[in-house]
N, C-alpha and C. Protein backbone atom coordinates (compact mmCIF):
# COMPACT_ATOMS: atom_id res chain seq x y z
N MET A 1 13.43 16.36 -6.60
CA MET A 1 12.77 16.71 -5.86
C MET A 1 12.42 15.85 -4.69
N GLU A 2 12.89 15.91 -3.50
CA GLU A 2 12.30 14.61 -2.43
C GLU A 2 11.59 15.71 -1.18
N LEU A 3 10.63 14.87 -1.02
CA LEU A 3 9.61 15.03 0.19
C LEU A 3 10.03 14.00 1.23
N ALA A 4 10.18 14.59 2.43
CA ALA A 4 10.64 13.79 3.33
C ALA A 4 9.69 13.88 4.88
N PHE A 5 9.13 12.81 5.17
CA PHE A 5 8.44 13.35 6.42
C PHE A 5 9.13 12.48 7.96
N HIS A 6 9.10 12.86 8.97
CA HIS A 6 9.32 12.58 10.09
C HIS A 6 8.57 12.19 10.92
N ARG A 7 7.89 11.10 11.87
CA ARG A 7 7.37 11.26 12.88
C ARG A 7 7.95 11.68 14.36
N ASN A 8 7.68 12.53 14.94
CA ASN A 8 8.05 13.29 16.16
C ASN A 8 7.80 12.65 17.34
N ALA A 9 8.54 12.01 18.47
CA ALA A 9 8.39 12.01 19.57
C ALA A 9 7.09 12.62 20.24
N ASP A 10 6.65 13.96 20.07
CA ASP A 10 5.72 14.33 20.91
C ASP A 10 4.00 14.14 20.07
N GLY A 11 4.42 13.23 19.11
CA GLY A 11 3.17 13.22 17.81
C GLY A 11 2.85 13.99 17.10
N THR A 12 3.78 14.67 16.92
CA THR A 12 3.77 15.82 15.55
C THR A 12 4.20 15.25 14.35
N THR A 13 3.99 15.72 13.33
CA THR A 13 4.89 15.22 11.97
C THR A 13 5.83 16.68 11.03
N THR A 14 7.05 16.21 10.78
CA THR A 14 7.77 17.23 10.52
C THR A 14 7.76 17.19 9.27
N GLY A 15 7.83 17.45 8.18
CA GLY A 15 8.13 17.08 6.65
C GLY A 15 9.03 18.58 5.86
N ARG A 16 9.63 17.71 5.21
CA ARG A 16 10.71 18.71 4.40
C ARG A 16 11.24 18.38 3.12
N ASN A 17 11.28 19.72 2.35
CA ASN A 17 11.18 19.67 1.20
C ASN A 17 12.89 19.89 0.61
N GLU A 18 13.26 18.58 0.73
CA GLU A 18 14.67 18.44 0.28
C GLU A 18 15.54 19.44 -0.95
N ALA A 19 14.67 19.90 -1.71
CA ALA A 19 14.95 20.94 -2.88
C ALA A 19 15.12 22.16 -2.41
N ASN A 20 14.27 22.68 -1.78
CA ASN A 20 14.27 24.07 -0.97
C ASN A 20 14.52 24.20 0.08
N GLY A 21 14.77 23.26 1.24
CA GLY A 21 14.39 23.40 2.45
C GLY A 21 13.29 23.73 3.11
N PHE A 22 12.48 23.90 2.81
CA PHE A 22 10.84 24.40 3.36
C PHE A 22 10.74 23.42 4.10
N THR A 23 10.28 23.59 5.40
CA THR A 23 10.19 22.55 6.62
C THR A 23 8.68 23.06 7.12
N VAL A 24 7.94 22.06 7.44
CA VAL A 24 6.80 22.39 8.18
C VAL A 24 6.93 21.18 9.85
N THR A 25 6.20 21.26 10.50
CA THR A 25 5.83 20.48 11.60
C THR A 25 4.49 20.73 12.07
N HIS A 26 3.73 20.00 12.58
CA HIS A 26 1.58 19.72 12.32
C HIS A 26 1.64 18.75 13.38
N ALA A 27 0.85 18.97 14.25
CA ALA A 27 -0.15 17.87 14.70
C ALA A 27 -0.11 16.50 13.98
N GLU A 28 -1.50 16.84 12.52
CA GLU A 28 -1.70 16.55 11.53
C GLU A 28 -1.06 16.12 10.49
N ALA A 29 -0.63 14.57 10.26
CA ALA A 29 0.18 14.51 9.18
C ALA A 29 -0.35 14.95 7.68
N GLU A 30 -2.00 14.63 7.63
CA GLU A 30 -2.19 15.31 6.39
C GLU A 30 -1.55 16.83 6.09
N GLU A 31 -1.76 17.07 6.99
CA GLU A 31 -1.23 18.56 6.97
C GLU A 31 0.27 19.13 6.42
N VAL A 32 0.71 18.46 6.96
CA VAL A 32 1.69 18.57 6.32
C VAL A 32 2.00 18.10 5.17
N LYS A 33 1.69 16.67 4.72
CA LYS A 33 1.78 16.86 3.20
C LYS A 33 0.77 17.80 2.56
N ARG A 34 -0.11 18.67 2.86
CA ARG A 34 -0.81 19.54 2.16
C ARG A 34 0.16 20.38 1.93
N GLN A 35 0.83 20.64 2.73
CA GLN A 35 1.56 21.58 2.85
C GLN A 35 3.05 21.87 2.14
N LEU A 36 3.40 20.52 1.99
CA LEU A 36 4.44 20.22 1.26
C LEU A 36 4.40 20.30 -0.04
N CYS A 37 3.01 19.59 -0.54
CA CYS A 37 2.46 19.56 -1.75
C CYS A 37 2.64 20.73 -2.36
N GLU A 38 1.80 21.62 -1.53
CA GLU A 38 1.38 23.15 -2.33
C GLU A 38 3.09 23.44 -2.67
N ASP A 39 3.67 23.55 -1.49
CA ASP A 39 5.05 24.26 -1.78
C ASP A 39 6.28 23.70 -2.98
N ALA A 40 5.61 22.43 -3.02
CA ALA A 40 6.51 22.12 -4.28
C ALA A 40 5.99 22.23 -5.58
N GLY A 41 4.76 22.38 -5.47
CA GLY A 41 3.66 22.82 -6.85
C GLY A 41 3.00 21.96 -7.14
N TRP A 42 2.49 21.03 -6.55
CA TRP A 42 2.48 19.72 -6.53
C TRP A 42 0.64 19.64 -6.48
N GLU A 43 -0.16 18.78 -7.17
CA GLU A 43 -1.06 19.18 -6.70
C GLU A 43 -1.66 17.68 -5.48
N TYR A 44 -2.27 18.01 -4.25
CA TYR A 44 -2.59 17.45 -3.42
C TYR A 44 -3.91 16.97 -3.04
N THR A 45 -3.99 15.53 -2.84
CA THR A 45 -5.11 14.65 -3.22
C THR A 45 -5.32 14.06 -1.44
N PRO A 46 -6.43 14.79 -0.69
CA PRO A 46 -6.64 14.09 0.42
C PRO A 46 -6.82 12.96 0.31
N PRO A 47 -6.90 12.11 1.45
CA PRO A 47 -7.02 10.41 1.56
C PRO A 47 -8.13 10.11 1.83
N PRO A 48 -8.47 9.11 1.27
CA PRO A 48 -10.12 8.77 1.07
C PRO A 48 -10.60 8.92 2.44
N PRO A 49 -11.84 8.61 2.67
CA PRO A 49 -12.56 8.49 4.11
C PRO A 49 -12.33 7.23 4.40
N PRO A 50 -12.19 7.06 6.10
CA PRO A 50 -12.05 5.53 6.67
C PRO A 50 -13.00 4.90 6.30
N VAL A 51 -12.29 3.45 6.57
CA VAL A 51 -12.89 2.46 5.65
C VAL A 51 -13.96 2.17 7.06
N PRO A 52 -15.37 1.26 6.82
CA PRO A 52 -16.10 1.01 8.29
C PRO A 52 -15.45 0.31 9.20
N PRO A 53 -15.71 -0.06 10.20
CA PRO A 53 -15.41 -1.07 11.03
C PRO A 53 -15.01 -2.46 10.74
N GLY A 54 -14.45 -2.93 11.11
CA GLY A 54 -13.93 -4.25 10.59
C GLY A 54 -13.41 -4.46 8.95
N PHE A 55 -13.15 -3.24 8.22
CA PHE A 55 -12.55 -2.96 6.91
C PHE A 55 -10.97 -2.58 7.13
N HIS A 56 -10.46 -2.87 6.04
CA HIS A 56 -9.06 -2.58 5.99
C HIS A 56 -9.02 -2.30 4.58
N ARG A 57 -7.91 -1.28 4.24
CA ARG A 57 -7.91 -0.61 2.51
C ARG A 57 -6.36 -1.23 2.35
N PHE A 58 -5.92 -1.61 1.58
CA PHE A 58 -4.62 -2.06 1.09
C PHE A 58 -4.65 -2.32 -0.27
N SER A 59 -3.42 -2.03 -1.24
CA SER A 59 -3.48 -2.82 -2.27
C SER A 59 -2.78 -4.22 -2.16
N LEU A 60 -2.80 -4.79 -3.16
CA LEU A 60 -2.35 -6.04 -3.85
C LEU A 60 -1.56 -6.19 -4.99
N VAL A 61 -0.04 -6.05 -5.21
CA VAL A 61 0.53 -6.01 -6.58
C VAL A 61 1.41 -7.45 -6.90
N HIS A 62 0.85 -7.67 -7.99
CA HIS A 62 1.73 -8.96 -8.69
C HIS A 62 3.30 -8.36 -9.24
N ASP A 63 3.79 -8.24 -8.79
CA ASP A 63 5.53 -7.97 -9.31
C ASP A 63 5.87 -9.00 -10.05
N ASP A 64 5.90 -9.23 -10.96
CA ASP A 64 6.68 -10.39 -12.27
C ASP A 64 7.71 -10.22 -12.52
N PHE A 65 8.28 -8.91 -12.37
CA PHE A 65 9.77 -8.95 -13.05
C PHE A 65 10.31 -9.32 -14.24
N ARG A 66 9.14 -9.29 -15.34
CA ARG A 66 9.32 -9.45 -16.57
C ARG A 66 8.67 -8.34 -17.18
N ASP A 67 8.29 -8.77 -18.43
CA ASP A 67 7.42 -7.62 -19.51
C ASP A 67 6.41 -7.63 -19.49
N SER A 68 5.50 -8.31 -18.44
CA SER A 68 4.23 -8.34 -18.58
C SER A 68 3.51 -7.66 -17.86
N GLY A 69 2.79 -6.83 -18.22
CA GLY A 69 1.85 -5.27 -17.76
C GLY A 69 0.20 -5.64 -17.47
N PHE A 70 -0.35 -5.00 -16.91
CA PHE A 70 -1.71 -4.97 -16.67
C PHE A 70 -2.83 -5.70 -17.43
N GLY A 71 -2.32 -5.53 -18.97
CA GLY A 71 -3.03 -6.53 -19.92
C GLY A 71 -2.44 -7.85 -19.94
N ASP A 72 -1.91 -7.90 -19.74
CA ASP A 72 -1.11 -10.00 -19.69
C ASP A 72 -2.55 -10.29 -19.88
N GLU A 73 -2.43 -11.54 -20.25
CA GLU A 73 -3.75 -12.85 -20.75
C GLU A 73 -3.89 -13.04 -19.22
N ARG A 74 -2.57 -13.43 -18.16
CA ARG A 74 -2.69 -13.99 -17.14
C ARG A 74 -4.01 -13.57 -16.04
N TYR A 75 -4.08 -12.34 -16.25
CA TYR A 75 -5.41 -11.59 -14.92
C TYR A 75 -6.22 -11.24 -15.79
N ALA A 76 -6.78 -11.80 -16.81
CA ALA A 76 -8.11 -11.90 -17.86
C ALA A 76 -9.40 -12.14 -16.65
N GLY A 77 -9.30 -13.20 -15.66
CA GLY A 77 -9.85 -13.54 -15.06
C GLY A 77 -10.16 -12.50 -13.66
N LEU A 78 -9.13 -12.10 -13.17
CA LEU A 78 -8.88 -11.53 -12.16
C LEU A 78 -9.37 -9.72 -12.72
N ARG A 79 -9.00 -9.64 -13.62
CA ARG A 79 -9.85 -7.88 -14.19
C ARG A 79 -11.19 -8.38 -14.08
N ALA A 80 -11.98 -9.17 -14.61
CA ALA A 80 -13.41 -9.70 -14.68
C ALA A 80 -13.79 -10.29 -13.84
N ARG A 81 -13.21 -10.44 -12.89
CA ARG A 81 -13.75 -11.10 -11.88
C ARG A 81 -13.00 -10.91 -10.62
N PRO A 82 -12.75 -9.58 -9.90
CA PRO A 82 -12.04 -9.44 -8.83
C PRO A 82 -12.93 -9.89 -7.89
N PRO A 83 -11.88 -10.28 -6.58
CA PRO A 83 -12.66 -10.30 -5.06
C PRO A 83 -13.57 -8.96 -4.81
N GLU A 84 -14.35 -9.46 -4.36
CA GLU A 84 -15.45 -8.53 -3.60
C GLU A 84 -14.45 -7.64 -3.17
N GLY A 85 -15.09 -6.08 -2.89
CA GLY A 85 -14.21 -5.39 -2.43
C GLY A 85 -12.77 -4.57 -3.12
N CYS A 86 -12.48 -5.33 -4.44
CA CYS A 86 -10.98 -4.95 -5.10
C CYS A 86 -11.67 -4.57 -5.87
N VAL A 87 -10.73 -3.70 -6.87
CA VAL A 87 -10.86 -3.33 -8.20
C VAL A 87 -9.20 -3.34 -8.80
N PRO A 88 -9.79 -3.75 -9.84
CA PRO A 88 -8.09 -3.59 -10.43
C PRO A 88 -7.72 -2.02 -10.96
N VAL A 89 -6.52 -1.89 -10.86
CA VAL A 89 -5.96 -0.85 -11.35
C VAL A 89 -4.15 -0.96 -11.97
N ASP A 90 -4.36 -0.22 -13.31
CA ASP A 90 -2.62 -0.46 -13.69
C ASP A 90 -1.52 0.47 -12.82
N ARG A 91 -0.91 -0.26 -12.45
CA ARG A 91 0.50 0.70 -11.96
C ARG A 91 1.90 0.55 -13.12
N GLY A 92 1.05 -0.19 -14.06
CA GLY A 92 2.35 -0.51 -14.79
C GLY A 92 2.57 -1.91 -15.15
N CYS A 93 2.16 -2.55 -14.00
CA CYS A 93 1.83 -3.97 -13.58
C CYS A 93 0.34 -4.04 -13.12
N PHE A 94 -0.01 -5.03 -12.81
CA PHE A 94 -1.03 -5.55 -12.20
C PHE A 94 -1.46 -5.19 -10.88
N ALA A 95 -2.02 -5.00 -10.63
CA ALA A 95 -2.75 -4.47 -8.66
C ALA A 95 -4.38 -4.16 -8.72
N LEU A 96 -4.66 -4.26 -7.58
CA LEU A 96 -5.82 -4.35 -7.03
C LEU A 96 -5.43 -3.27 -5.56
N GLU A 97 -6.69 -2.53 -5.77
CA GLU A 97 -6.69 -1.53 -4.48
C GLU A 97 -8.04 -2.64 -4.00
N CYS A 98 -8.11 -2.55 -2.67
CA CYS A 98 -8.99 -3.11 -1.51
C CYS A 98 -9.39 -2.52 -0.59
N GLU A 99 -10.93 -2.85 -0.24
CA GLU A 99 -11.18 -3.00 1.11
C GLU A 99 -12.01 -4.04 1.52
N ARG A 100 -11.74 -4.61 2.21
CA ARG A 100 -11.81 -6.21 2.71
C ARG A 100 -11.85 -6.32 4.37
N PRO A 101 -12.55 -7.24 4.60
CA PRO A 101 -13.16 -7.37 5.96
C PRO A 101 -12.27 -8.02 6.83
N GLY A 102 -11.58 -8.29 7.78
CA GLY A 102 -10.82 -8.91 8.56
C GLY A 102 -10.20 -8.46 9.99
N LYS A 103 -10.54 -9.05 10.70
CA LYS A 103 -10.18 -8.72 12.51
C LYS A 103 -9.27 -7.73 12.18
N THR A 104 -8.20 -8.17 11.42
CA THR A 104 -6.86 -7.16 11.39
C THR A 104 -6.48 -7.31 10.05
N LEU A 105 -5.55 -6.00 9.73
CA LEU A 105 -5.08 -5.88 8.50
C LEU A 105 -4.73 -6.90 8.01
N MET A 106 -3.62 -7.81 8.61
CA MET A 106 -3.09 -9.11 8.28
C MET A 106 -4.08 -10.42 8.07
N ASP A 107 -5.37 -10.36 8.74
CA ASP A 107 -6.53 -11.10 8.41
C ASP A 107 -7.19 -10.81 7.07
N ALA A 108 -7.39 -9.49 6.57
CA ALA A 108 -7.70 -8.71 5.81
C ALA A 108 -6.94 -9.39 4.12
N VAL A 109 -5.74 -8.96 4.49
CA VAL A 109 -4.87 -9.18 3.33
C VAL A 109 -4.70 -10.67 2.90
N ALA A 110 -4.12 -11.67 4.09
CA ALA A 110 -4.15 -12.77 4.19
C ALA A 110 -5.74 -14.00 3.36
N GLY A 111 -6.50 -13.58 3.43
CA GLY A 111 -7.90 -13.62 3.10
C GLY A 111 -8.06 -13.43 1.33
N THR A 112 -7.42 -12.35 1.30
CA THR A 112 -7.85 -11.83 -0.38
C THR A 112 -6.79 -12.78 -0.99
N VAL A 113 -5.35 -12.68 -0.71
CA VAL A 113 -4.36 -13.13 -1.55
C VAL A 113 -4.79 -14.77 -1.41
N ALA A 114 -5.62 -15.41 -0.67
CA ALA A 114 -5.88 -17.12 -0.28
C ALA A 114 -6.89 -16.87 -1.76
N ASP A 115 -8.37 -15.88 -1.43
CA ASP A 115 -8.74 -15.93 -2.46
C ASP A 115 -8.40 -16.00 -3.74
N ILE A 116 -7.45 -15.17 -4.12
CA ILE A 116 -6.98 -15.28 -5.48
C ILE A 116 -6.45 -16.00 -6.05
N ARG A 117 -5.48 -17.08 -5.01
CA ARG A 117 -4.93 -18.35 -5.14
C ARG A 117 -6.05 -19.20 -5.94
N ARG A 118 -6.75 -19.40 -4.97
CA ARG A 118 -7.91 -20.17 -4.78
C ARG A 118 -8.57 -20.12 -6.08
N ASP A 119 -9.21 -19.21 -6.49
CA ASP A 119 -10.39 -18.67 -7.87
C ASP A 119 -9.66 -18.52 -8.78
N HIS A 120 -7.96 -17.91 -8.79
CA HIS A 120 -7.54 -17.74 -9.77
C HIS A 120 -6.12 -18.13 -10.30
N GLY A 121 -5.60 -18.73 -9.61
CA GLY A 121 -4.32 -19.84 -9.85
C GLY A 121 -3.17 -18.51 -9.56
N LEU A 122 -3.22 -17.16 -9.28
CA LEU A 122 -2.09 -16.16 -9.26
C LEU A 122 -2.18 -16.36 -7.68
N VAL A 123 -0.79 -16.00 -7.87
CA VAL A 123 -0.46 -15.58 -5.98
C VAL A 123 -0.23 -13.87 -6.04
N MET A 124 -0.37 -13.20 -5.27
CA MET A 124 0.05 -12.12 -4.86
C MET A 124 1.04 -11.97 -3.99
N ASN A 125 2.16 -11.08 -4.57
CA ASN A 125 3.63 -10.98 -4.23
C ASN A 125 3.81 -9.70 -3.49
N SER A 126 2.77 -8.74 -3.40
CA SER A 126 3.50 -7.40 -2.97
C SER A 126 2.26 -6.48 -2.44
N LEU A 127 2.41 -5.90 -1.50
CA LEU A 127 1.78 -4.84 -1.32
C LEU A 127 2.40 -3.43 -1.81
N GLY A 128 3.32 -3.64 -2.64
CA GLY A 128 3.34 -2.08 -3.51
C GLY A 128 4.10 -1.24 -2.40
N VAL A 129 4.65 -1.60 -1.12
CA VAL A 129 5.05 -0.78 -0.40
C VAL A 129 6.36 -0.35 -1.08
N GLU A 130 7.34 0.92 -1.08
CA GLU A 130 8.31 0.94 -2.02
C GLU A 130 9.43 0.77 -0.71
N LYS A 131 9.27 1.73 0.00
CA LYS A 131 10.45 1.60 1.53
C LYS A 131 10.14 0.81 2.62
N PRO A 132 10.72 -0.44 2.68
CA PRO A 132 9.83 -1.05 4.18
C PRO A 132 10.66 -1.29 5.24
N GLU A 133 11.68 -0.41 5.31
CA GLU A 133 12.33 0.04 6.20
C GLU A 133 12.08 1.29 6.70
N GLU A 134 11.23 2.11 6.41
CA GLU A 134 10.92 3.25 6.90
C GLU A 134 9.65 2.95 7.67
N TRP A 135 10.13 2.51 9.02
CA TRP A 135 9.21 2.08 9.75
C TRP A 135 8.59 3.20 10.96
N PHE A 136 7.13 3.67 11.11
CA PHE A 136 6.57 4.43 11.88
C PHE A 136 5.22 3.80 11.97
N ASP A 137 4.58 4.32 13.09
CA ASP A 137 3.01 4.30 13.11
C ASP A 137 3.08 2.54 13.89
N THR A 138 3.82 2.41 14.57
CA THR A 138 3.77 1.54 15.43
C THR A 138 3.08 1.31 16.47
N ASP A 139 2.11 2.17 16.68
CA ASP A 139 1.05 2.28 17.87
C ASP A 139 -0.18 1.73 17.54
N THR A 140 -0.31 1.15 16.11
CA THR A 140 -1.68 0.27 15.99
C THR A 140 -1.10 -1.06 15.00
N LYS A 141 -2.00 -1.72 15.12
CA LYS A 141 -2.24 -3.25 14.62
C LYS A 141 -2.41 -2.81 12.86
N ASN A 142 -2.76 -1.78 12.61
CA ASN A 142 -3.85 -1.87 11.73
C ASN A 142 -2.97 -0.63 10.70
N GLY A 143 -1.59 -0.42 11.13
CA GLY A 143 -1.54 1.20 9.89
C GLY A 143 -0.32 0.86 9.26
N TYR A 144 0.54 1.21 9.29
CA TYR A 144 1.61 1.66 8.17
C TYR A 144 2.13 0.85 8.24
N ALA A 145 2.63 0.51 9.59
CA ALA A 145 3.72 -0.93 10.08
C ALA A 145 3.09 -2.13 9.78
N ALA A 146 1.74 -2.24 10.34
CA ALA A 146 1.52 -3.38 9.51
C ALA A 146 1.10 -3.87 8.20
N GLU A 147 1.02 -3.05 7.45
CA GLU A 147 1.29 -2.77 5.99
C GLU A 147 2.71 -3.24 5.18
N ILE A 148 3.78 -2.56 6.14
CA ILE A 148 5.11 -3.29 5.83
C ILE A 148 5.15 -4.37 6.24
N VAL A 149 4.78 -5.10 7.26
CA VAL A 149 4.47 -6.50 7.84
C VAL A 149 4.29 -7.43 6.63
N ALA A 150 2.52 -7.29 6.36
CA ALA A 150 2.09 -7.72 5.66
C ALA A 150 2.80 -7.80 4.01
N HIS A 151 3.59 -6.92 3.70
CA HIS A 151 3.94 -6.86 2.26
C HIS A 151 5.51 -7.48 2.31
N LEU A 152 6.08 -7.45 3.26
CA LEU A 152 7.28 -8.70 3.51
C LEU A 152 6.71 -10.12 3.66
N LEU A 153 5.85 -10.61 4.21
CA LEU A 153 5.33 -11.85 4.54
C LEU A 153 5.06 -12.30 3.00
N VAL A 154 4.27 -11.47 2.37
CA VAL A 154 3.75 -11.96 1.05
C VAL A 154 4.67 -12.20 -0.12
N MET A 155 5.52 -11.41 0.10
CA MET A 155 6.76 -11.00 -0.40
C MET A 155 7.87 -12.47 -0.48
N ALA A 156 7.97 -12.65 1.24
CA ALA A 156 8.37 -13.77 1.41
C ALA A 156 8.27 -15.43 0.83
N ALA A 157 6.83 -15.39 0.99
CA ALA A 157 6.33 -16.64 0.77
C ALA A 157 6.56 -16.75 -1.20
N ASP A 158 6.49 -15.93 -1.69
CA ASP A 158 6.09 -15.91 -3.20
C ASP A 158 7.78 -16.42 -3.48
N ARG A 159 8.63 -15.67 -2.73
CA ARG A 159 10.16 -15.63 -3.19
C ARG A 159 10.48 -17.31 -2.50
N ALA A 160 10.16 -17.53 -1.76
CA ALA A 160 10.75 -19.00 -0.77
C ALA A 160 10.32 -19.80 -1.74
N ARG A 161 8.91 -19.66 -2.53
CA ARG A 161 8.41 -20.39 -3.36
C ARG A 161 9.24 -20.64 -4.94
N LEU A 162 9.72 -19.61 -5.17
CA LEU A 162 10.64 -19.91 -6.21
C LEU A 162 12.14 -20.21 -6.32
N LEU A 163 12.55 -20.22 -4.77
CA LEU A 163 13.95 -20.52 -4.37
C LEU A 163 13.78 -22.17 -4.28
N GLY A 164 12.51 -22.82 -3.88
CA GLY A 164 12.25 -23.93 -3.57
C GLY A 164 12.65 -24.24 -2.03
């Protein structure tokens, strides 16, 4: 089953359950998500409350592409002493859920990645964005579009290092 979302030119969001054709359009994107989850029989979890001004919420993931998981010994120090505002989570790989300060989302991500590299010697290489080609929310410097750009930059820096 696939749920698809589209941001319309008038500011509304349209969602569609591809399995049965159920479609809903609403001014609030979260209401569209709620109705689609209900239609699909899935549990809807509302988004967390907004972060304080000057803070940003994001995930950092270490995609290793090997058989290492959350419990890998390389992450022991980071699990025990994550950066302030970050919590280690198991996503089948090592990840951090963070709420960190920064002028922009990019500043918050860059500072966190630098702190982790300096303190733990680990280069975080993803923000966990699944489909970076899905580009919407371009009207703000701190929304999903900014998260995609941060993901691509972190990933590109890591892969460039691997390629020499």
